[in-house]
C-alpha atoms as a PDB file:
ATOM      1  CA  UNK A   1      -0.219  -0.261   0.217  1.00  0.00           C
ATOM      2  CA  UNK A   2       1.181   3.263  -0.930  1.00  0.00           C
ATOM      3  CA  UNK A   3       2.909   5.276   2.139  1.00  0.00           C
ATOM      4  CA  UNK A   4       0.326   8.318   2.079  1.00  0.00           C
ATOM      5  CA  UNK A   5       2.242  11.587   2.439  1.00  0.00           C
ATOM      6  CA  UNK A   6       2.652  13.535   5.200  1.00  0.00           C
ATOM      7  CA  UNK A   7       1.579  17.189   4.625  1.00  0.00           C
ATOM      8  CA  UNK A   8       2.504  20.415   6.308  1.00  0.00           C
ATOM      9  CA  UNK A   9      -0.545  20.829   7.887  1.00  0.00           C
ATOM     10  CA  UNK A  10      -0.360  17.563   8.858  1.00  0.00           C
ATOM     11  CA  UNK A  11       2.409  18.841  11.279  1.00  0.00           C
ATOM     12  CA  UNK A  12       1.106  22.326  11.989  1.00  0.00           C
ATOM     13  CA  UNK A  13      -1.875  19.896  13.630  1.00  0.00           C
ATOM     14  CA  UNK A  14       0.666  17.193  14.931  1.00  0.00           C
ATOM     15  CA  UNK A  15       2.730  20.524  17.087  1.00  0.00           C
ATOM     16  CA  UNK A  16      -0.738  21.333  18.569  1.00  0.00           C
ATOM     17  CA  UNK A  17      -1.642  17.685  19.985  1.00  0.00           C
ATOM     18  CA  UNK A  18       1.958  18.256  21.039  1.00  0.00           C
ATOM     19  CA  UNK A  19       0.265  21.758  22.985  1.00  0.00           C
ATOM     20  CA  UNK A  20      -2.129  20.332  24.299  1.00  0.00           C
ATOM     21  CA  UNK A  21      -4.123  21.227  21.677  1.00  0.00           C
ATOM     22  CA  UNK A  22      -3.800  24.718  21.434  1.00  0.00           C
ATOM     23  CA  UNK A  23      -1.095  27.687  20.850  1.00  0.00           C
ATOM     24  CA  UNK A  24      -0.324  30.845  19.394  1.00  0.00           C
ATOM     25  CA  UNK A  25       1.155  31.638  16.319  1.00  0.00           C
ATOM     26  CA  UNK A  26       3.979  32.760  17.894  1.00  0.00           C
ATOM     27  CA  UNK A  27       4.593  29.330  19.839  1.00  0.00           C
ATOM     28  CA  UNK A  28       3.862  27.454  16.179  1.00  0.00           C
ATOM     29  CA  UNK A  29       6.207  29.670  13.944  1.00  0.00           C
ATOM     30  CA  UNK A  30       8.388  28.487  16.918  1.00  0.00           C
ATOM     31  CA  UNK A  31       7.674  25.223  17.864  1.00  0.00           C
ATOM     32  CA  UNK A  32       6.583  23.205  13.899  1.00  0.00           C
ATOM     33  CA  UNK A  33      10.284  21.674  12.589  1.00  0.00           C
ATOM     34  CA  UNK A  34      10.291  23.959   9.284  1.00  0.00           C
ATOM     35  CA  UNK A  35      12.774  22.996   7.397  1.00  0.00           C
ATOM     36  CA  UNK A  36      12.166  20.588   4.745  1.00  0.00           C
ATOM     37  CA  UNK A  37       9.196  22.883   3.777  1.00  0.00           C
ATOM     38  CA  UNK A  38      10.551  23.977   0.091  1.00  0.00           C
ATOM     39  CA  UNK A  39       9.500  27.579   0.950  1.00  0.00           C
ATOM     40  CA  UNK A  40      11.211  30.903   1.570  1.00  0.00           C
ATOM     41  CA  UNK A  41       7.932  32.079   3.906  1.00  0.00           C
ATOM     42  CA  UNK A  42       7.136  29.045   6.427  1.00  0.00           C
ATOM     43  CA  UNK A  43       5.122  31.404   8.952  1.00  0.00           C
ATOM     44  CA  UNK A  44       2.795  32.856   5.895  1.00  0.00           C
ATOM     45  CA  UNK A  45       2.443  29.190   4.934  1.00  0.00           C
ATOM     46  CA  UNK A  46       1.209  28.000   8.877  1.00  0.00           C
ATOM     47  CA  UNK A  47      -0.671  31.147   9.027  1.00  0.00           C
ATOM     48  CA  UNK A  48      -2.222  29.994   6.155  1.00  0.00           C
ATOM     49  CA  UNK A  49      -2.974  26.348   7.238  1.00  0.00           C
ATOM     50  CA  UNK A  50      -4.954  27.182  10.922  1.00  0.00           C
ATOM     51  CA  UNK A  51      -6.418  30.073   8.990  1.00  0.00           C
ATOM     52  CA  UNK A  52      -8.178  27.340   6.153  1.00  0.00           C
ATOM     53  CA  UNK A  53      -8.137  23.946   8.531  1.00  0.00           C
ATOM     54  CA  UNK A  54     -11.224  22.957   8.783  1.00  0.00           C
ATOM     55  CA  UNK A  55      -9.968  21.066  12.027  1.00  0.00           C
ATOM     56  CA  UNK A  56      -8.513  23.907  13.199  1.00  0.00           C
ATOM     57  CA  UNK A  57     -10.441  26.912  14.812  1.00  0.00           C
ATOM     58  CA  UNK A  58      -9.800  30.727  16.311  1.00  0.00           C
ATOM     59  CA  UNK A  59     -10.304  31.080  19.971  1.00  0.00           C
ATOM     60  CA  UNK A  60      -8.864  34.739  19.497  1.00  0.00           C
ATOM     61  CA  UNK A  61      -6.507  36.356  17.518  1.00  0.00           C
ATOM     62  CA  UNK A  62      -3.440  34.577  16.585  1.00  0.00           C
ATOM     63  CA  UNK A  63      -4.631  31.727  18.964  1.00  0.00           C
ATOM     64  CA  UNK A  64      -6.028  28.575  17.447  1.00  0.00           C
ATOM     65  CA  UNK A  65      -7.214  24.646  18.900  1.00  0.00           C
ATOM     66  CA  UNK A  66      -7.805  21.049  17.705  1.00  0.00           C
ATOM     67  CA  UNK A  67     -11.377  21.070  16.947  1.00  0.00           C
ATOM     68  CA  UNK A  68     -10.950  17.171  18.470  1.00  0.00           C
ATOM     69  CA  UNK A  69     -10.254  19.415  21.946  1.00  0.00           C
ATOM     70  CA  UNK A  70     -12.621  21.907  21.685  1.00  0.00           C
ATOM     71  CA  UNK A  71     -14.237  20.980  24.813  1.00  0.00           C
ATOM     72  CA  UNK A  72     -11.156  19.900  26.948  1.00  0.00           C
ATOM     73  CA  UNK A  73      -8.804  23.938  25.553  1.00  0.00           C
ATOM     74  CA  UNK A  74     -12.705  25.529  26.609  1.00  0.00           C
ATOM     75  CA  UNK A  75     -12.263  24.069  30.027  1.00  0.00           C
ATOM     76  CA  UNK A  76      -8.809  24.674  30.739  1.00  0.00           C
ATOM     77  CA  UNK A  77      -9.393  28.498  30.134  1.00  0.00           C
ATOM     78  CA  UNK A  78     -12.720  28.165  31.256  1.00  0.00           C
ATOM     79  CA  UNK A  79     -14.955  29.455  28.769  1.00  0.00           C
ATOM     80  CA  UNK A  80     -18.312  28.796  28.682  1.00  0.00           C
ATOM     81  CA  UNK A  81     -19.940  29.860  25.297  1.00  0.00           C
ATOM     82  CA  UNK A  82     -22.950  30.920  26.552  1.00  0.00           C
ATOM     83  CA  UNK A  83     -22.081  32.627  28.971  1.00  0.00           C
ATOM     84  CA  UNK A  84     -20.503  36.098  27.959  1.00  0.00           C
ATOM     85  CA  UNK A  85     -18.905  36.366  31.644  1.00  0.00           C
ATOM     86  CA  UNK A  86     -16.562  33.593  30.814  1.00  0.00           C
ATOM     87  CA  UNK A  87     -15.361  34.808  27.411  1.00  0.00           C
ATOM     88  CA  UNK A  88     -14.772  38.664  29.221  1.00  0.00           C
ATOM     89  CA  UNK A  89     -12.463  37.318  31.506  1.00  0.00           C
ATOM     90  CA  UNK A  90     -10.408  35.527  29.521  1.00  0.00           C
ATOM     91  CA  UNK A  91     -10.381  37.481  26.567  1.00  0.00           C
ATOM     92  CA  UNK A  92      -9.131  40.138  29.150  1.00  0.00           C
ATOM     93  CA  UNK A  93      -6.035  38.149  30.644  1.00  0.00           C
ATOM     94  CA  UNK A  94      -5.058  37.237  27.345  1.00  0.00           C
ATOM     95  CA  UNK A  95      -4.523  40.633  25.699  1.00  0.00           C
ATOM     96  CA  UNK A  96      -3.166  41.967  29.282  1.00  0.00           C
ATOM     97  CA  UNK A  97      -0.670  38.121  29.242  1.00  0.00           C
ATOM     98  CA  UNK A  98      -0.234  39.266  25.323  1.00  0.00           C
ATOM     99  CA  UNK A  99       1.014  43.161  25.980  1.00  0.00           C
ATOM    100  CA  UNK A 100       3.004  42.259  29.016  1.00  0.00           C
ATOM    101  CA  UNK A 101       4.942  38.887  26.595  1.00  0.00           C
ATOM    102  CA  UNK A 102       5.938  42.444  24.499  1.00  0.00           C
ATOM    103  CA  UNK A 103       7.076  44.324  27.561  1.00  0.00           C
ATOM    104  CA  UNK A 104       9.542  41.196  28.475  1.00  0.00           C
ATOM    105  CA  UNK A 105      10.519  41.202  24.782  1.00  0.00           C
ATOM    106  CA  UNK A 106      11.195  44.290  24.964  1.00  0.00           C
ATOM    107  CA  UNK A 107      13.285  44.624  28.139  1.00  0.00           C
ATOM    108  CA  UNK A 108      10.956  46.048  30.609  1.00  0.00           C
ATOM    109  CA  UNK A 109       9.622  44.984  33.938  1.00  0.00           C
ATOM    110  CA  UNK A 110       6.015  43.442  33.575  1.00  0.00           C
ATOM    111  CA  UNK A 111       3.358  44.705  36.316  1.00  0.00           C
ATOM    112  CA  UNK A 112       0.058  43.408  36.240  1.00  0.00           C
ATOM    113  CA  UNK A 113      -2.213  44.848  39.767  1.00  0.00           C
ATOM    114  CA  UNK A 114      -3.012  42.941  42.729  1.00  0.00           C
ATOM    115  CA  UNK A 115      -6.331  42.080  41.833  1.00  0.00           C
ATOM    116  CA  UNK A 116      -5.248  40.868  38.438  1.00  0.00           C
ATOM    117  CA  UNK A 117      -2.046  38.667  39.417  1.00  0.00           C
ATOM    118  CA  UNK A 118      -4.162  35.444  39.554  1.00  0.00           C
ATOM    119  CA  UNK A 119      -6.162  36.131  36.454  1.00  0.00           C
ATOM    120  CA  UNK A 120      -4.670  33.158  33.886  1.00  0.00           C
ATOM    121  CA  UNK A 121      -3.259  34.295  30.613  1.00  0.00           C
ATOM    122  CA  UNK A 122      -3.544  30.747  28.528  1.00  0.00           C
ATOM    123  CA  UNK A 123      -2.982  28.526  31.592  1.00  0.00           C
ATOM    124  CA  UNK A 124      -0.266  30.722  33.086  1.00  0.00           C
ATOM    125  CA  UNK A 125      -1.428  32.739  36.062  1.00  0.00           C
ATOM    126  CA  UNK A 126      -0.617  36.900  35.385  1.00  0.00           C
ATOM    127  CA  UNK A 127       1.737  36.801  38.438  1.00  0.00           C
ATOM    128  CA  UNK A 128       4.256  33.501  36.609  1.00  0.00           C
ATOM    129  CA  UNK A 129       4.697  35.764  33.827  1.00  0.00           C
ATOM    130  CA  UNK A 130       5.229  39.477  34.038  1.00  0.00           C
ATOM    131  CA  UNK A 131       8.741  40.721  36.075  1.00  0.00           C
ATOM    132  CA  UNK A 132       7.440  42.161  39.238  1.00  0.00           C
ATOM    133  CA  UNK A 133       4.218  41.323  41.231  1.00  0.00           C
ATOM    134  CA  UNK A 134       5.061  45.223  43.491  1.00  0.00           C
ATOM    135  CA  UNK A 135       4.732  48.449  41.818  1.00  0.00           C
ATOM    136  CA  UNK A 136       8.559  50.553  42.260  1.00  0.00           C
ATOM    137  CA  UNK A 137       7.554  53.474  44.369  1.00  0.00           C
ATOM    138  CA  UNK A 138       8.570  55.901  41.453  1.00  0.00           C
ATOM    139  CA  UNK A 139       6.612  58.829  42.810  1.00  0.00           C
ATOM    140  CA  UNK A 140       3.913  59.729  45.566  1.00  0.00           C
ATOM    141  CA  UNK A 141       2.178  57.529  47.334  1.00  0.00           C
ATOM    142  CA  UNK A 142      -1.193  58.847  46.341  1.00  0.00           C
ATOM    143  CA  UNK A 143       0.362  58.425  42.528  1.00  0.00           C
ATOM    144  CA  UNK A 144       1.373  55.521  42.694  1.00  0.00           C
ATOM    145  CA  UNK A 145      -1.659  54.151  44.616  1.00  0.00           C
ATOM    146  CA  UNK A 146      -3.942  55.167  41.221  1.00  0.00           C
ATOM    147  CA  UNK A 147      -0.990  53.755  38.980  1.00  0.00           C
ATOM    148  CA  UNK A 148      -0.994  50.816  41.213  1.00  0.00           C
ATOM    149  CA  UNK A 149      -4.994  49.513  39.379  1.00  0.00           C
ATOM    150  CA  UNK A 150      -3.435  50.192  35.999  1.00  0.00           C
ATOM    151  CA  UNK A 151      -4.016  47.018  34.339  1.00  0.00           C
ATOM    152  CA  UNK A 152      -0.632  46.871  32.898  1.00  0.00           C
ATOM    153  CA  UNK A 153       2.184  49.203  33.329  1.00  0.00           C
ATOM    154  CA  UNK A 154       5.765  49.055  31.778  1.00  0.00           C
ATOM    155  CA  UNK A 155       9.183  50.187  33.306  1.00  0.00           C
ATOM    156  CA  UNK A 156      12.077  51.615  32.512  1.00  0.00           C
ATOM    157  CA  UNK A 157      15.807  50.422  33.719  1.00  0.00           C
ATOM    158  CA  UNK A 158      15.541  53.287  36.197  1.00  0.00           C
ATOM    159  CA  UNK A 159      12.219  51.613  37.415  1.00  0.00           C
ATOM    160  CA  UNK A 160       9.939  54.857  36.220  1.00  0.00           C
ATOM    161  CA  UNK A 161       6.324  53.969  34.313  1.00  0.00           C
ATOM    162  CA  UNK A 162       7.517  53.904  31.014  1.00  0.00           C
ATOM    163  CA  UNK A 163       3.970  53.193  29.067  1.00  0.00           C
ATOM    164  CA  UNK A 164       0.427  52.239  31.354  1.00  0.00           C
ATOM    165  CA  UNK A 165      -2.609  50.247  29.900  1.00  0.00           C
ATOM    166  CA  UNK A 166      -5.886  50.298  29.993  1.00  0.00           C
ATOM    167  CA  UNK A 167      -7.810  46.795  28.210  1.00  0.00           C
ATOM    168  CA  UNK A 168     -11.786  47.698  27.519  1.00  0.00           C
ATOM    169  CA  UNK A 169     -13.622  45.046  26.448  1.00  0.00           C
ATOM    170  CA  UNK A 170     -17.292  46.291  27.478  1.00  0.00           C
ATOM    171  CA  UNK A 171     -16.149  48.120  30.472  1.00  0.00           C
ATOM    172  CA  UNK A 172     -16.610  52.137  30.182  1.00  0.00           C
ATOM    173  CA  UNK A 173     -13.659  54.088  29.024  1.00  0.00           C
ATOM    174  CA  UNK A 174     -13.786  57.147  30.136  1.00  0.00           C
ATOM    175  CA  UNK A 175     -13.201  55.722  33.447  1.00  0.00           C
ATOM    176  CA  UNK A 176      -9.308  54.371  32.253  1.00  0.00           C
ATOM    177  CA  UNK A 177      -8.804  57.798  30.159  1.00  0.00           C
ATOM    178  CA  UNK A 178      -9.307  59.692  33.922  1.00  0.00           C
ATOM    179  CA  UNK A 179      -7.303  57.621  35.966  1.00  0.00           C
ATOM    180  CA  UNK A 180      -4.258  58.450  32.723  1.00  0.00           C
ATOM    181  CA  UNK A 181      -5.350  62.137  33.722  1.00  0.00           C
ATOM    182  CA  UNK A 182      -4.129  61.617  37.344  1.00  0.00           C
ATOM    183  CA  UNK A 183      -0.723  60.187  35.601  1.00  0.00           C
ATOM    184  CA  UNK A 184      -0.599  62.922  33.059  1.00  0.00           C
ATOM    185  CA  UNK A 185       2.500  64.376  34.239  1.00  0.00           C
ATOM    186  CA  UNK A 186       5.149  61.541  33.659  1.00  0.00           C
ATOM    187  CA  UNK A 187       6.413  61.228  30.403  1.00  0.00           C
ATOM    188  CA  UNK A 188       5.008  58.084  29.650  1.00  0.00           C
ATOM    189  CA  UNK A 189       2.707  56.932  26.843  1.00  0.00           C
ATOM    190  CA  UNK A 190      -1.451  55.729  27.429  1.00  0.00           C
ATOM    191  CA  UNK A 191      -2.806  53.135  25.770  1.00  0.00           C
ATOM    192  CA  UNK A 192      -6.756  52.053  25.224  1.00  0.00           C
ATOM    193  CA  UNK A 193      -6.609  48.545  24.540  1.00  0.00           C
ATOM    194  CA  UNK A 194      -9.969  47.038  23.029  1.00  0.00           C
ATOM    195  CA  UNK A 195     -12.338  45.360  19.960  1.00  0.00           C
ATOM    196  CA  UNK A 196     -12.019  47.474  17.210  1.00  0.00           C
ATOM    197  CA  UNK A 197     -15.790  48.768  17.203  1.00  0.00           C
ATOM    198  CA  UNK A 198     -15.039  50.522  20.213  1.00  0.00           C
ATOM    199  CA  UNK A 199     -12.679  53.546  18.394  1.00  0.00           C
ATOM    200  CA  UNK A 200     -15.613  55.432  17.486  1.00  0.00           C
ATOM    201  CA  UNK A 201     -16.197  55.649  21.663  1.00  0.00           C
ATOM    202  CA  UNK A 202     -13.076  56.318  22.218  1.00  0.00           C
ATOM    203  CA  UNK A 203     -12.949  58.959  19.981  1.00  0.00           C
ATOM    204  CA  UNK A 204     -15.855  60.335  21.779  1.00  0.00           C
ATOM    205  CA  UNK A 205     -15.257  60.501  24.989  1.00  0.00           C
ATOM    206  CA  UNK A 206     -11.554  61.467  23.773  1.00  0.00           C
ATOM    207  CA  UNK A 207     -13.231  64.495  22.286  1.00  0.00           C
ATOM    208  CA  UNK A 208     -14.465  65.992  25.372  1.00  0.00           C
ATOM    209  CA  UNK A 209     -13.365  69.297  26.763  1.00  0.00           C
ATOM    210  CA  UNK A 210     -12.150  67.573  30.363  1.00  0.00           C
ATOM    211  CA  UNK A 211     -10.008  65.484  28.389  1.00  0.00           C
ATOM    212  CA  UNK A 212      -8.185  67.859  26.665  1.00  0.00           C
ATOM    213  CA  UNK A 213      -4.993  67.617  28.638  1.00  0.00           C
ATOM    214  CA  UNK A 214      -4.189  64.185  27.666  1.00  0.00           C
ATOM    215  CA  UNK A 215      -6.193  64.458  24.211  1.00  0.00           C
ATOM    216  CA  UNK A 216      -2.470  63.976  21.613  1.00  0.00           C
ATOM    217  CA  UNK A 217      -1.069  61.106  24.253  1.00  0.00           C
ATOM    218  CA  UNK A 218      -3.540  58.594  24.469  1.00  0.00           C
ATOM    219  CA  UNK A 219      -3.749  56.109  21.837  1.00  0.00           C
ATOM    220  CA  UNK A 220      -6.587  53.752  21.198  1.00  0.00           C
ATOM    221  CA  UNK A 221      -5.152  49.900  19.906  1.00  0.00           C
ATOM    222  CA  UNK A 222      -7.275  47.077  18.802  1.00  0.00           C
ATOM    223  CA  UNK A 223      -7.021  43.057  19.408  1.00  0.00           C
ATOM    224  CA  UNK A 224      -5.682  42.557  16.704  1.00  0.00           C
ATOM    225  CA  UNK A 225      -2.522  45.282  16.634  1.00  0.00           C
ATOM    226  CA  UNK A 226      -1.467  43.819  19.790  1.00  0.00           C
ATOM    227  CA  UNK A 227      -1.797  40.554  18.975  1.00  0.00           C
ATOM    228  CA  UNK A 228       0.144  41.484  15.501  1.00  0.00           C
ATOM    229  CA  UNK A 229       2.831  43.164  17.365  1.00  0.00           C
ATOM    230  CA  UNK A 230       3.601  40.380  19.680  1.00  0.00           C
ATOM    231  CA  UNK A 231       3.378  37.956  16.658  1.00  0.00           C
ATOM    232  CA  UNK A 232       6.528  39.944  14.907  1.00  0.00           C
ATOM    233  CA  UNK A 233       8.711  40.013  18.089  1.00  0.00           C
ATOM    234  CA  UNK A 234       7.835  35.929  17.872  1.00  0.00           C
ATOM    235  CA  UNK A 235       9.381  36.106  14.336  1.00  0.00           C
ATOM    236  CA  UNK A 236      12.289  38.640  15.104  1.00  0.00           C
ATOM    237  CA  UNK A 237      13.302  36.398  18.706  1.00  0.00           C
ATOM    238  CA  UNK A 238      12.563  32.547  16.581  1.00  0.00           C
ATOM    239  CA  UNK A 239      14.720  33.978  13.662  1.00  0.00           C
ATOM    240  CA  UNK A 240      17.387  36.687  13.899  1.00  0.00           C
ATOM    241  CA  UNK A 241      16.994  37.140  17.765  1.00  0.00           C
ATOM    242  CA  UNK A 242      17.708  41.058  19.332  1.00  0.00           C
ATOM    243  CA  UNK A 243      19.871  43.881  19.370  1.00  0.00           C
END
């Protein structure tokens, strides 16, 4: 009997099986052995396979799982498709985790607030992937206390805040902008991370007179753009490394 050819798609599927039934694209770029693939763009091939295969489904942008492991994977992530609350909790932790991972790869110290440290990024608590669970004493107590509640902070080597991130899946964006106003005297970036369909709401909030002092300093990033930056960092890490 003629032996069936071991395809690239089957190789990706087998890799997903070895990683517990799911993986980020960034992980697949690193884990799938593409040395024998007759292509100069193996990452694009992997991306095409996960998008087109009926045996693979998308959980979040950049996060893929095997259909045969759907129930097991959803159980691992505490996701109940019929419960919006569970989806929202997973989504919030997923994007906090991506932001932390990007910050780690950029060599920043990464922090999440105490109330989120046991929130999961995939199967890991956020406290296990951020570099510190204690906020540095970078200013007056009232300001560090205010910063202490921000979803993710990147600190530079001088322990000063480089970037503040608020993940806004469905909560009031205005509350995060108010928090940024209280921290505006620092030479830091302020970023709202949310679904693309909330961009109009973000623009409406930022147009209010009360926020004119920070209007040019607060940026909006969609979930997809955050994952894309994570993916690019993973590609750089696996191919040529960092300088």
